[in-house]
Protein backbone atom coordinates (compact mmCIF):
# COMPACT_ATOMS: atom_id res chain seq x y z
CA UNK A 1 0.00 0.00 0.00
CA UNK A 2 1.22 3.51 -0.83
CA UNK A 3 2.37 5.58 2.11
CA UNK A 4 2.39 9.39 2.23
CA UNK A 5 5.30 11.10 3.97
CA UNK A 6 5.17 14.13 6.26
CA UNK A 7 8.52 15.61 7.25
CA UNK A 8 7.99 17.37 10.59
CA UNK A 9 11.65 17.35 11.64
CA UNK A 10 12.81 20.47 13.51
CA UNK A 11 9.21 21.35 14.47
CA UNK A 12 8.31 21.60 18.15
CA UNK A 13 5.19 20.38 19.93
CA UNK A 14 2.36 20.61 18.95
CA UNK A 15 3.22 21.29 15.29
CA UNK A 16 4.06 17.70 14.24
CA UNK A 17 0.66 16.45 15.43
CA UNK A 18 -1.20 19.43 13.98
CA UNK A 19 0.45 18.95 10.58
CA UNK A 20 -0.24 15.20 10.70
CA UNK A 21 -3.90 15.87 11.50
CA UNK A 22 -4.17 18.16 8.47
CA UNK A 23 -2.41 15.61 6.25
CA UNK A 24 -4.65 12.76 7.44
CA UNK A 25 -7.79 14.77 6.63
CA UNK A 26 -6.64 14.86 3.01
CA UNK A 27 -6.15 11.08 2.79
CA UNK A 28 -8.66 8.35 2.02
CA UNK A 29 -9.86 6.13 4.89
CA UNK A 30 -7.33 3.37 5.51
CA UNK A 31 -4.46 5.30 3.86
CA UNK A 32 -1.03 5.33 5.52
CA UNK A 33 0.94 8.36 6.65
CA UNK A 34 4.57 8.21 7.78
CA UNK A 35 5.62 11.15 9.95
CA UNK A 36 9.24 12.05 10.68
CA UNK A 37 9.84 14.20 13.76
CA UNK A 38 12.74 15.20 15.99
CA UNK A 39 10.78 16.46 19.01
CA UNK A 40 11.00 13.88 21.83
CA UNK A 41 7.53 14.87 23.02
CA UNK A 42 6.12 13.65 19.70
CA UNK A 43 6.18 10.03 20.94
CA UNK A 44 3.60 10.68 23.68
CA UNK A 45 1.80 13.22 21.48
CA UNK A 46 1.20 10.78 18.62
CA UNK A 47 0.14 7.99 20.98
CA UNK A 48 -2.46 10.29 22.58
CA UNK A 49 -3.52 11.76 19.23
CA UNK A 50 -4.23 8.32 17.73
CA UNK A 51 -6.01 7.11 20.85
CA UNK A 52 -8.28 10.19 20.87
CA UNK A 53 -9.00 10.38 17.13
CA UNK A 54 -9.38 6.71 16.23
CA UNK A 55 -6.46 6.65 13.80
CA UNK A 56 -4.21 3.59 14.21
CA UNK A 57 -0.57 4.06 15.23
CA UNK A 58 0.83 1.02 13.44
CA UNK A 59 4.51 1.53 14.24
CA UNK A 60 6.93 3.99 15.73
CA UNK A 61 10.65 4.02 16.29
CA UNK A 62 13.72 6.20 16.57
CA UNK A 63 16.96 6.23 14.63
CA UNK A 64 19.72 8.83 15.04
CA UNK A 65 17.38 11.25 16.81
CA UNK A 66 14.61 11.03 14.20
CA UNK A 67 11.31 9.54 15.30
CA UNK A 68 9.19 7.77 12.70
CA UNK A 69 5.47 7.11 13.06
CA UNK A 70 3.23 5.11 10.71
CA UNK A 71 -0.43 6.04 11.07
CA UNK A 72 -3.42 4.48 9.30
CA UNK A 73 -6.29 6.90 8.77
CA UNK A 74 -9.45 5.77 10.48
CA UNK A 75 -12.48 4.62 8.56
CA UNK A 76 -15.20 7.20 8.17
CA UNK A 77 -17.88 7.05 10.88
CA UNK A 78 -21.00 5.08 10.02
CA UNK A 79 -23.52 7.51 8.50
CA UNK A 80 -26.43 5.60 10.04
CA UNK A 81 -25.23 6.19 13.60
PDB file of N, CA and C in Angstrom:
ATOM      1  N   UNK A   1       0.847  -1.181   0.000  1.00  0.00           N
ATOM      2  CA  UNK A   1       0.000   0.000   0.000  1.00  0.00           C
ATOM      3  C   UNK A   1       0.888   1.238   0.000  1.00  0.00           C
ATOM      4  N   UNK A   2       0.489   2.243  -0.761  1.00  0.00           N
ATOM      5  CA  UNK A   2       1.218   3.507  -0.830  1.00  0.00           C
ATOM      6  C   UNK A   2       1.161   4.216   0.520  1.00  0.00           C
ATOM      7  N   UNK A   3       2.250   4.881   0.829  1.00  0.00           N
ATOM      8  CA  UNK A   3       2.370   5.577   2.109  1.00  0.00           C
ATOM      9  C   UNK A   3       2.774   7.019   1.821  1.00  0.00           C
ATOM     10  N   UNK A   4       2.023   7.985   2.359  1.00  0.00           N
ATOM     11  CA  UNK A   4       2.393   9.389   2.230  1.00  0.00           C
ATOM     12  C   UNK A   4       3.429   9.714   3.291  1.00  0.00           C
ATOM     13  N   UNK A   5       4.244  10.720   3.036  1.00  0.00           N
ATOM     14  CA  UNK A   5       5.305  11.100   3.968  1.00  0.00           C
ATOM     15  C   UNK A   5       5.120  12.551   4.389  1.00  0.00           C
ATOM     16  N   UNK A   6       5.200  12.781   5.697  1.00  0.00           N
ATOM     17  CA  UNK A   6       5.166  14.132   6.257  1.00  0.00           C
ATOM     18  C   UNK A   6       6.463  14.340   7.019  1.00  0.00           C
ATOM     19  N   UNK A   7       7.264  15.293   6.582  1.00  0.00           N
ATOM     20  CA  UNK A   7       8.522  15.607   7.249  1.00  0.00           C
ATOM     21  C   UNK A   7       8.272  16.735   8.243  1.00  0.00           C
ATOM     22  N   UNK A   8       8.227  16.391   9.528  1.00  0.00           N
ATOM     23  CA  UNK A   8       7.993  17.374  10.592  1.00  0.00           C
ATOM     24  C   UNK A   8       9.241  17.536  11.450  1.00  0.00           C
ATOM     25  N   UNK A   9      10.401  17.188  10.894  1.00  0.00           N
ATOM     26  CA  UNK A   9      11.651  17.349  11.638  1.00  0.00           C
ATOM     27  C   UNK A   9      11.876  18.833  11.910  1.00  0.00           C
ATOM     28  N   UNK A  10      12.472  19.109  13.062  1.00  0.00           N
ATOM     29  CA  UNK A  10      12.811  20.471  13.506  1.00  0.00           C
ATOM     30  C   UNK A  10      11.588  21.278  13.948  1.00  0.00           C
ATOM     31  N   UNK A  11      10.404  20.665  13.954  1.00  0.00           N
ATOM     32  CA  UNK A  11       9.209  21.349  14.466  1.00  0.00           C
ATOM     33  C   UNK A  11       8.988  20.927  15.920  1.00  0.00           C
ATOM     34  N   UNK A  12       8.568  21.879  16.740  1.00  0.00           N
ATOM     35  CA  UNK A  12       8.308  21.600  18.154  1.00  0.00           C
ATOM     36  C   UNK A  12       6.832  21.345  18.389  1.00  0.00           C
ATOM     37  N   UNK A  13       6.552  20.682  19.495  1.00  0.00           N
ATOM     38  CA  UNK A  13       5.194  20.380  19.932  1.00  0.00           C
ATOM     39  C   UNK A  13       4.388  21.670  19.960  1.00  0.00           C
ATOM     40  N   UNK A  14       3.206  21.686  19.474  1.00  0.00           N
ATOM     41  CA  UNK A  14       2.359  20.610  18.952  1.00  0.00           C
ATOM     42  C   UNK A  14       2.349  20.521  17.432  1.00  0.00           C
ATOM     43  N   UNK A  15       3.272  21.217  16.758  1.00  0.00           N
ATOM     44  CA  UNK A  15       3.218  21.294  15.294  1.00  0.00           C
ATOM     45  C   UNK A  15       3.268  19.949  14.567  1.00  0.00           C
ATOM     46  N   UNK A  16       4.096  18.976  14.973  1.00  0.00           N
ATOM     47  CA  UNK A  16       4.063  17.697  14.238  1.00  0.00           C
ATOM     48  C   UNK A  16       2.676  17.044  14.228  1.00  0.00           C
ATOM     49  N   UNK A  17       1.994  17.060  15.363  1.00  0.00           N
ATOM     50  CA  UNK A  17       0.657  16.451  15.430  1.00  0.00           C
ATOM     51  C   UNK A  17      -0.353  17.275  14.636  1.00  0.00           C
ATOM     52  N   UNK A  18      -0.263  18.584  14.726  1.00  0.00           N
ATOM     53  CA  UNK A  18      -1.204  19.430  13.983  1.00  0.00           C
ATOM     54  C   UNK A  18      -1.035  19.250  12.475  1.00  0.00           C
ATOM     55  N   UNK A  19       0.201  19.161  12.017  1.00  0.00           N
ATOM     56  CA  UNK A  19       0.445  18.954  10.579  1.00  0.00           C
ATOM     57  C   UNK A  19       0.001  17.553  10.151  1.00  0.00           C
ATOM     58  N   UNK A  20       0.210  16.570  11.015  1.00  0.00           N
ATOM     59  CA  UNK A  20      -0.236  15.203  10.697  1.00  0.00           C
ATOM     60  C   UNK A  20      -1.755  15.157  10.607  1.00  0.00           C
ATOM     61  N   UNK A  21      -2.433  15.839  11.520  1.00  0.00           N
ATOM     62  CA  UNK A  21      -3.896  15.868  11.500  1.00  0.00           C
ATOM     63  C   UNK A  21      -4.392  16.458  10.185  1.00  0.00           C
ATOM     64  N   UNK A  22      -3.786  17.535   9.737  1.00  0.00           N
ATOM     65  CA  UNK A  22      -4.173  18.162   8.468  1.00  0.00           C
ATOM     66  C   UNK A  22      -3.904  17.209   7.297  1.00  0.00           C
ATOM     67  N   UNK A  23      -2.750  16.546   7.328  1.00  0.00           N
ATOM     68  CA  UNK A  23      -2.413  15.612   6.249  1.00  0.00           C
ATOM     69  C   UNK A  23      -3.381  14.437   6.215  1.00  0.00           C
ATOM     70  N   UNK A  24      -3.731  13.905   7.378  1.00  0.00           N
ATOM     71  CA  UNK A  24      -4.646  12.762   7.439  1.00  0.00           C
ATOM     72  C   UNK A  24      -6.027  13.126   6.897  1.00  0.00           C
ATOM     73  N   UNK A  25      -6.479  14.344   7.136  1.00  0.00           N
ATOM     74  CA  UNK A  25      -7.791  14.765   6.626  1.00  0.00           C
ATOM     75  C   UNK A  25      -7.844  14.729   5.110  1.00  0.00           C
ATOM     76  N   UNK A  26      -6.684  14.879   4.468  1.00  0.00           N
ATOM     77  CA  UNK A  26      -6.635  14.858   3.008  1.00  0.00           C
ATOM     78  C   UNK A  26      -6.454  13.476   2.410  1.00  0.00           C
ATOM     79  N   UNK A  27      -6.357  12.453   3.264  1.00  0.00           N
ATOM     80  CA  UNK A  27      -6.150  11.085   2.786  1.00  0.00           C
ATOM     81  C   UNK A  27      -7.445  10.283   2.830  1.00  0.00           C
ATOM     82  N   UNK A  28      -7.503   9.249   2.024  1.00  0.00           N
ATOM     83  CA  UNK A  28      -8.661   8.352   2.024  1.00  0.00           C
ATOM     84  C   UNK A  28      -8.646   7.486   3.283  1.00  0.00           C
ATOM     85  N   UNK A  29      -9.825   7.043   3.744  1.00  0.00           N
ATOM     86  CA  UNK A  29      -9.864   6.126   4.889  1.00  0.00           C
ATOM     87  C   UNK A  29      -8.986   4.902   4.627  1.00  0.00           C
ATOM     88  N   UNK A  30      -8.203   4.523   5.624  1.00  0.00           N
ATOM     89  CA  UNK A  30      -7.326   3.374   5.506  1.00  0.00           C
ATOM     90  C   UNK A  30      -5.946   3.690   4.932  1.00  0.00           C
ATOM     91  N   UNK A  31      -5.751   4.914   4.437  1.00  0.00           N
ATOM     92  CA  UNK A  31      -4.463   5.300   3.864  1.00  0.00           C
ATOM     93  C   UNK A  31      -3.404   5.420   4.966  1.00  0.00           C
ATOM     94  N   UNK A  32      -2.141   5.268   4.574  1.00  0.00           N
ATOM     95  CA  UNK A  32      -1.033   5.328   5.525  1.00  0.00           C
ATOM     96  C   UNK A  32      -0.280   6.643   5.415  1.00  0.00           C
ATOM     97  N   UNK A  33       0.124   7.155   6.572  1.00  0.00           N
ATOM     98  CA  UNK A  33       0.936   8.361   6.651  1.00  0.00           C
ATOM     99  C   UNK A  33       2.145   8.060   7.518  1.00  0.00           C
ATOM    100  N   UNK A  34       3.339   8.317   6.987  1.00  0.00           N
ATOM    101  CA  UNK A  34       4.569   8.208   7.779  1.00  0.00           C
ATOM    102  C   UNK A  34       4.987   9.623   8.155  1.00  0.00           C
ATOM    103  N   UNK A  35       5.202   9.846   9.446  1.00  0.00           N
ATOM    104  CA  UNK A  35       5.617  11.154   9.949  1.00  0.00           C
ATOM    105  C   UNK A  35       7.028  11.032  10.504  1.00  0.00           C
ATOM    106  N   UNK A  36       7.898  11.957  10.120  1.00  0.00           N
ATOM    107  CA  UNK A  36       9.235  12.049  10.676  1.00  0.00           C
ATOM    108  C   UNK A  36       9.282  13.272  11.577  1.00  0.00           C
ATOM    109  N   UNK A  37       9.783  13.103  12.798  1.00  0.00           N
ATOM    110  CA  UNK A  37       9.842  14.204  13.762  1.00  0.00           C
ATOM    111  C   UNK A  37      11.106  14.084  14.596  1.00  0.00           C
ATOM    112  N   UNK A  38      11.563  15.212  15.121  1.00  0.00           N
ATOM    113  CA  UNK A  38      12.745  15.202  15.985  1.00  0.00           C
ATOM    114  C   UNK A  38      12.422  15.619  17.410  1.00  0.00           C
ATOM    115  N   UNK A  39      11.200  16.044  17.667  1.00  0.00           N
ATOM    116  CA  UNK A  39      10.781  16.459  19.008  1.00  0.00           C
ATOM    117  C   UNK A  39      10.485  15.214  19.845  1.00  0.00           C
ATOM    118  N   UNK A  40      11.207  15.047  20.959  1.00  0.00           N
ATOM    119  CA  UNK A  40      11.001  13.877  21.832  1.00  0.00           C
ATOM    120  C   UNK A  40       9.567  13.758  22.323  1.00  0.00           C
ATOM    121  N   UNK A  41       8.912  14.887  22.532  1.00  0.00           N
ATOM    122  CA  UNK A  41       7.529  14.867  23.021  1.00  0.00           C
ATOM    123  C   UNK A  41       6.573  14.264  21.991  1.00  0.00           C
ATOM    124  N   UNK A  42       7.010  14.161  20.754  1.00  0.00           N
ATOM    125  CA  UNK A  42       6.124  13.645  19.704  1.00  0.00           C
ATOM    126  C   UNK A  42       5.718  12.194  19.956  1.00  0.00           C
ATOM    127  N   UNK A  43       6.530  11.425  20.672  1.00  0.00           N
ATOM    128  CA  UNK A  43       6.177  10.025  20.944  1.00  0.00           C
ATOM    129  C   UNK A  43       4.870   9.972  21.735  1.00  0.00           C
ATOM    130  N   UNK A  44       4.828  10.654  22.862  1.00  0.00           N
ATOM    131  CA  UNK A  44       3.603  10.677  23.680  1.00  0.00           C
ATOM    132  C   UNK A  44       2.479  11.397  22.949  1.00  0.00           C
ATOM    133  N   UNK A  45       2.824  12.454  22.210  1.00  0.00           N
ATOM    134  CA  UNK A  45       1.803  13.221  21.483  1.00  0.00           C
ATOM    135  C   UNK A  45       1.081  12.367  20.445  1.00  0.00           C
ATOM    136  N   UNK A  46       1.834  11.602  19.651  1.00  0.00           N
ATOM    137  CA  UNK A  46       1.197  10.785  18.618  1.00  0.00           C
ATOM    138  C   UNK A  46       0.417   9.615  19.213  1.00  0.00           C
ATOM    139  N   UNK A  47       0.894   9.053  20.315  1.00  0.00           N
ATOM    140  CA  UNK A  47       0.138   7.990  20.980  1.00  0.00           C
ATOM    141  C   UNK A  47      -1.212   8.527  21.453  1.00  0.00           C
ATOM    142  N   UNK A  48      -1.212   9.691  22.097  1.00  0.00           N
ATOM    143  CA  UNK A  48      -2.458  10.291  22.581  1.00  0.00           C
ATOM    144  C   UNK A  48      -3.351  10.717  21.413  1.00  0.00           C
ATOM    145  N   UNK A  49      -2.764  11.308  20.397  1.00  0.00           N
ATOM    146  CA  UNK A  49      -3.521  11.756  19.226  1.00  0.00           C
ATOM    147  C   UNK A  49      -4.270  10.591  18.588  1.00  0.00           C
ATOM    148  N   UNK A  50      -3.590   9.477  18.372  1.00  0.00           N
ATOM    149  CA  UNK A  50      -4.232   8.323  17.734  1.00  0.00           C
ATOM    150  C   UNK A  50      -5.299   7.714  18.632  1.00  0.00           C
ATOM    151  N   UNK A  51      -5.032   7.649  19.909  1.00  0.00           N
ATOM    152  CA  UNK A  51      -6.014   7.107  20.855  1.00  0.00           C
ATOM    153  C   UNK A  51      -7.288   7.965  20.856  1.00  0.00           C
ATOM    154  N   UNK A  52      -7.130   9.281  20.796  1.00  0.00           N
ATOM    155  CA  UNK A  52      -8.279  10.191  20.875  1.00  0.00           C
ATOM    156  C   UNK A  52      -9.032  10.337  19.559  1.00  0.00           C
ATOM    157  N   UNK A  53      -8.357  10.149  18.431  1.00  0.00           N
ATOM    158  CA  UNK A  53      -9.000  10.382  17.132  1.00  0.00           C
ATOM    159  C   UNK A  53      -9.466   9.114  16.429  1.00  0.00           C
ATOM    160  N   UNK A  54      -8.989   7.953  16.874  1.00  0.00           N
ATOM    161  CA  UNK A  54      -9.381   6.710  16.227  1.00  0.00           C
ATOM    162  C   UNK A  54      -8.471   6.281  15.093  1.00  0.00           C
ATOM    163  N   UNK A  55      -7.453   7.085  14.788  1.00  0.00           N
ATOM    164  CA  UNK A  55      -6.457   6.649  13.803  1.00  0.00           C
ATOM    165  C   UNK A  55      -5.598   5.565  14.467  1.00  0.00           C
ATOM    166  N   UNK A  56      -5.008   4.690  13.659  1.00  0.00           N
ATOM    167  CA  UNK A  56      -4.205   3.591  14.208  1.00  0.00           C
ATOM    168  C   UNK A  56      -2.720   3.922  14.092  1.00  0.00           C
ATOM    169  N   UNK A  57      -2.024   3.915  15.225  1.00  0.00           N
ATOM    170  CA  UNK A  57      -0.571   4.065  15.233  1.00  0.00           C
ATOM    171  C   UNK A  57      -0.003   2.669  15.025  1.00  0.00           C
ATOM    172  N   UNK A  58       0.398   2.371  13.794  1.00  0.00           N
ATOM    173  CA  UNK A  58       0.833   1.021  13.436  1.00  0.00           C
ATOM    174  C   UNK A  58       2.250   0.726  13.891  1.00  0.00           C
ATOM    175  N   UNK A  59       3.109   1.741  13.870  1.00  0.00           N
ATOM    176  CA  UNK A  59       4.510   1.532  14.242  1.00  0.00           C
ATOM    177  C   UNK A  59       5.131   2.864  14.600  1.00  0.00           C
ATOM    178  N   UNK A  60       6.108   2.805  15.472  1.00  0.00           N
ATOM    179  CA  UNK A  60       6.927   3.986  15.734  1.00  0.00           C
ATOM    180  C   UNK A  60       8.295   3.527  16.203  1.00  0.00           C
ATOM    181  N   UNK A  61       9.280   4.347  15.909  1.00  0.00           N
ATOM    182  CA  UNK A  61      10.648   4.025  16.291  1.00  0.00           C
ATOM    183  C   UNK A  61      11.513   5.259  16.211  1.00  0.00           C
ATOM    184  N   UNK A  62      12.779   5.078  16.565  1.00  0.00           N
ATOM    185  CA  UNK A  62      13.722   6.197  16.569  1.00  0.00           C
ATOM    186  C   UNK A  62      15.057   5.724  16.025  1.00  0.00           C
ATOM    187  N   UNK A  63      15.638   6.530  15.171  1.00  0.00           N
ATOM    188  CA  UNK A  63      16.961   6.230  14.634  1.00  0.00           C
ATOM    189  C   UNK A  63      17.717   7.540  14.465  1.00  0.00           C
ATOM    190  N   UNK A  64      18.850   7.644  15.124  1.00  0.00           N
ATOM    191  CA  UNK A  64      19.719   8.826  15.038  1.00  0.00           C
ATOM    192  C   UNK A  64      18.970  10.118  15.373  1.00  0.00           C
ATOM    193  N   UNK A  65      18.096  10.053  16.372  1.00  0.00           N
ATOM    194  CA  UNK A  65      17.380  11.246  16.810  1.00  0.00           C
ATOM    195  C   UNK A  65      16.166  11.609  15.993  1.00  0.00           C
ATOM    196  N   UNK A  66      15.812  10.780  15.012  1.00  0.00           N
ATOM    197  CA  UNK A  66      14.614  11.028  14.200  1.00  0.00           C
ATOM    198  C   UNK A  66      13.577   9.969  14.536  1.00  0.00           C
ATOM    199  N   UNK A  67      12.420  10.437  14.964  1.00  0.00           N
ATOM    200  CA  UNK A  67      11.311   9.543  15.296  1.00  0.00           C
ATOM    201  C   UNK A  67      10.452   9.344  14.056  1.00  0.00           C
ATOM    202  N   UNK A  68      10.019   8.118  13.853  1.00  0.00           N
ATOM    203  CA  UNK A  68       9.191   7.769  12.704  1.00  0.00           C
ATOM    204  C   UNK A  68       7.897   7.146  13.212  1.00  0.00           C
ATOM    205  N   UNK A  69       6.785   7.605  12.679  1.00  0.00           N
ATOM    206  CA  UNK A  69       5.466   7.108  13.063  1.00  0.00           C
ATOM    207  C   UNK A  69       4.711   6.707  11.806  1.00  0.00           C
ATOM    208  N   UNK A  70       4.087   5.537  11.823  1.00  0.00           N
ATOM    209  CA  UNK A  70       3.230   5.110  10.714  1.00  0.00           C
ATOM    210  C   UNK A  70       1.810   5.067  11.247  1.00  0.00           C
ATOM    211  N   UNK A  71       0.962   5.878  10.626  1.00  0.00           N
ATOM    212  CA  UNK A  71      -0.428   6.035  11.073  1.00  0.00           C
ATOM    213  C   UNK A  71      -1.361   5.636   9.945  1.00  0.00           C
ATOM    214  N   UNK A  72      -2.381   4.820  10.283  1.00  0.00           N
ATOM    215  CA  UNK A  72      -3.420   4.484   9.299  1.00  0.00           C
ATOM    216  C   UNK A  72      -4.643   5.335   9.601  1.00  0.00           C
ATOM    217  N   UNK A  73      -5.113   6.045   8.588  1.00  0.00           N
ATOM    218  CA  UNK A  73      -6.286   6.904   8.766  1.00  0.00           C
ATOM    219  C   UNK A  73      -7.492   6.046   9.104  1.00  0.00           C
ATOM    220  N   UNK A  74      -8.254   6.512  10.042  1.00  0.00           N
ATOM    221  CA  UNK A  74      -9.448   5.770  10.476  1.00  0.00           C
ATOM    222  C   UNK A  74     -10.480   5.717   9.359  1.00  0.00           C
ATOM    223  N   UNK A  75     -11.347   4.721   9.478  1.00  0.00           N
ATOM    224  CA  UNK A  75     -12.477   4.621   8.557  1.00  0.00           C
ATOM    225  C   UNK A  75     -13.458   5.740   8.899  1.00  0.00           C
ATOM    226  N   UNK A  76     -14.199   6.153   7.919  1.00  0.00           N
ATOM    227  CA  UNK A  76     -15.203   7.199   8.173  1.00  0.00           C
ATOM    228  C   UNK A  76     -16.257   6.643   9.129  1.00  0.00           C
ATOM    229  N   UNK A  77     -16.813   7.515   9.974  1.00  0.00           N
ATOM    230  CA  UNK A  77     -17.876   7.048  10.876  1.00  0.00           C
ATOM    231  C   UNK A  77     -19.086   6.573  10.073  1.00  0.00           C
ATOM    232  N   UNK A  78     -19.788   5.631  10.647  1.00  0.00           N
ATOM    233  CA  UNK A  78     -20.998   5.083  10.017  1.00  0.00           C
ATOM    234  C   UNK A  78     -22.064   6.175   9.931  1.00  0.00           C
ATOM    235  N   UNK A  79     -22.543   6.450   8.713  1.00  0.00           N
ATOM    236  CA  UNK A  79     -23.523   7.513   8.495  1.00  0.00           C
ATOM    237  C   UNK A  79     -24.862   7.212   9.156  1.00  0.00           C
ATOM    238  N   UNK A  80     -25.138   5.948   9.451  1.00  0.00           N
ATOM    239  CA  UNK A  80     -26.430   5.599  10.038  1.00  0.00           C
ATOM    240  C   UNK A  80     -26.445   5.790  11.554  1.00  0.00           C
ATOM    241  N   UNK A  81     -25.302   6.047  12.144  1.00  0.00           N
ATOM    242  CA  UNK A  81     -25.227   6.189  13.603  1.00  0.00           C
ATOM    243  C   UNK A  81     -25.682   7.550  14.061  1.00  0.00           C
TER     244      UNK A  81
END
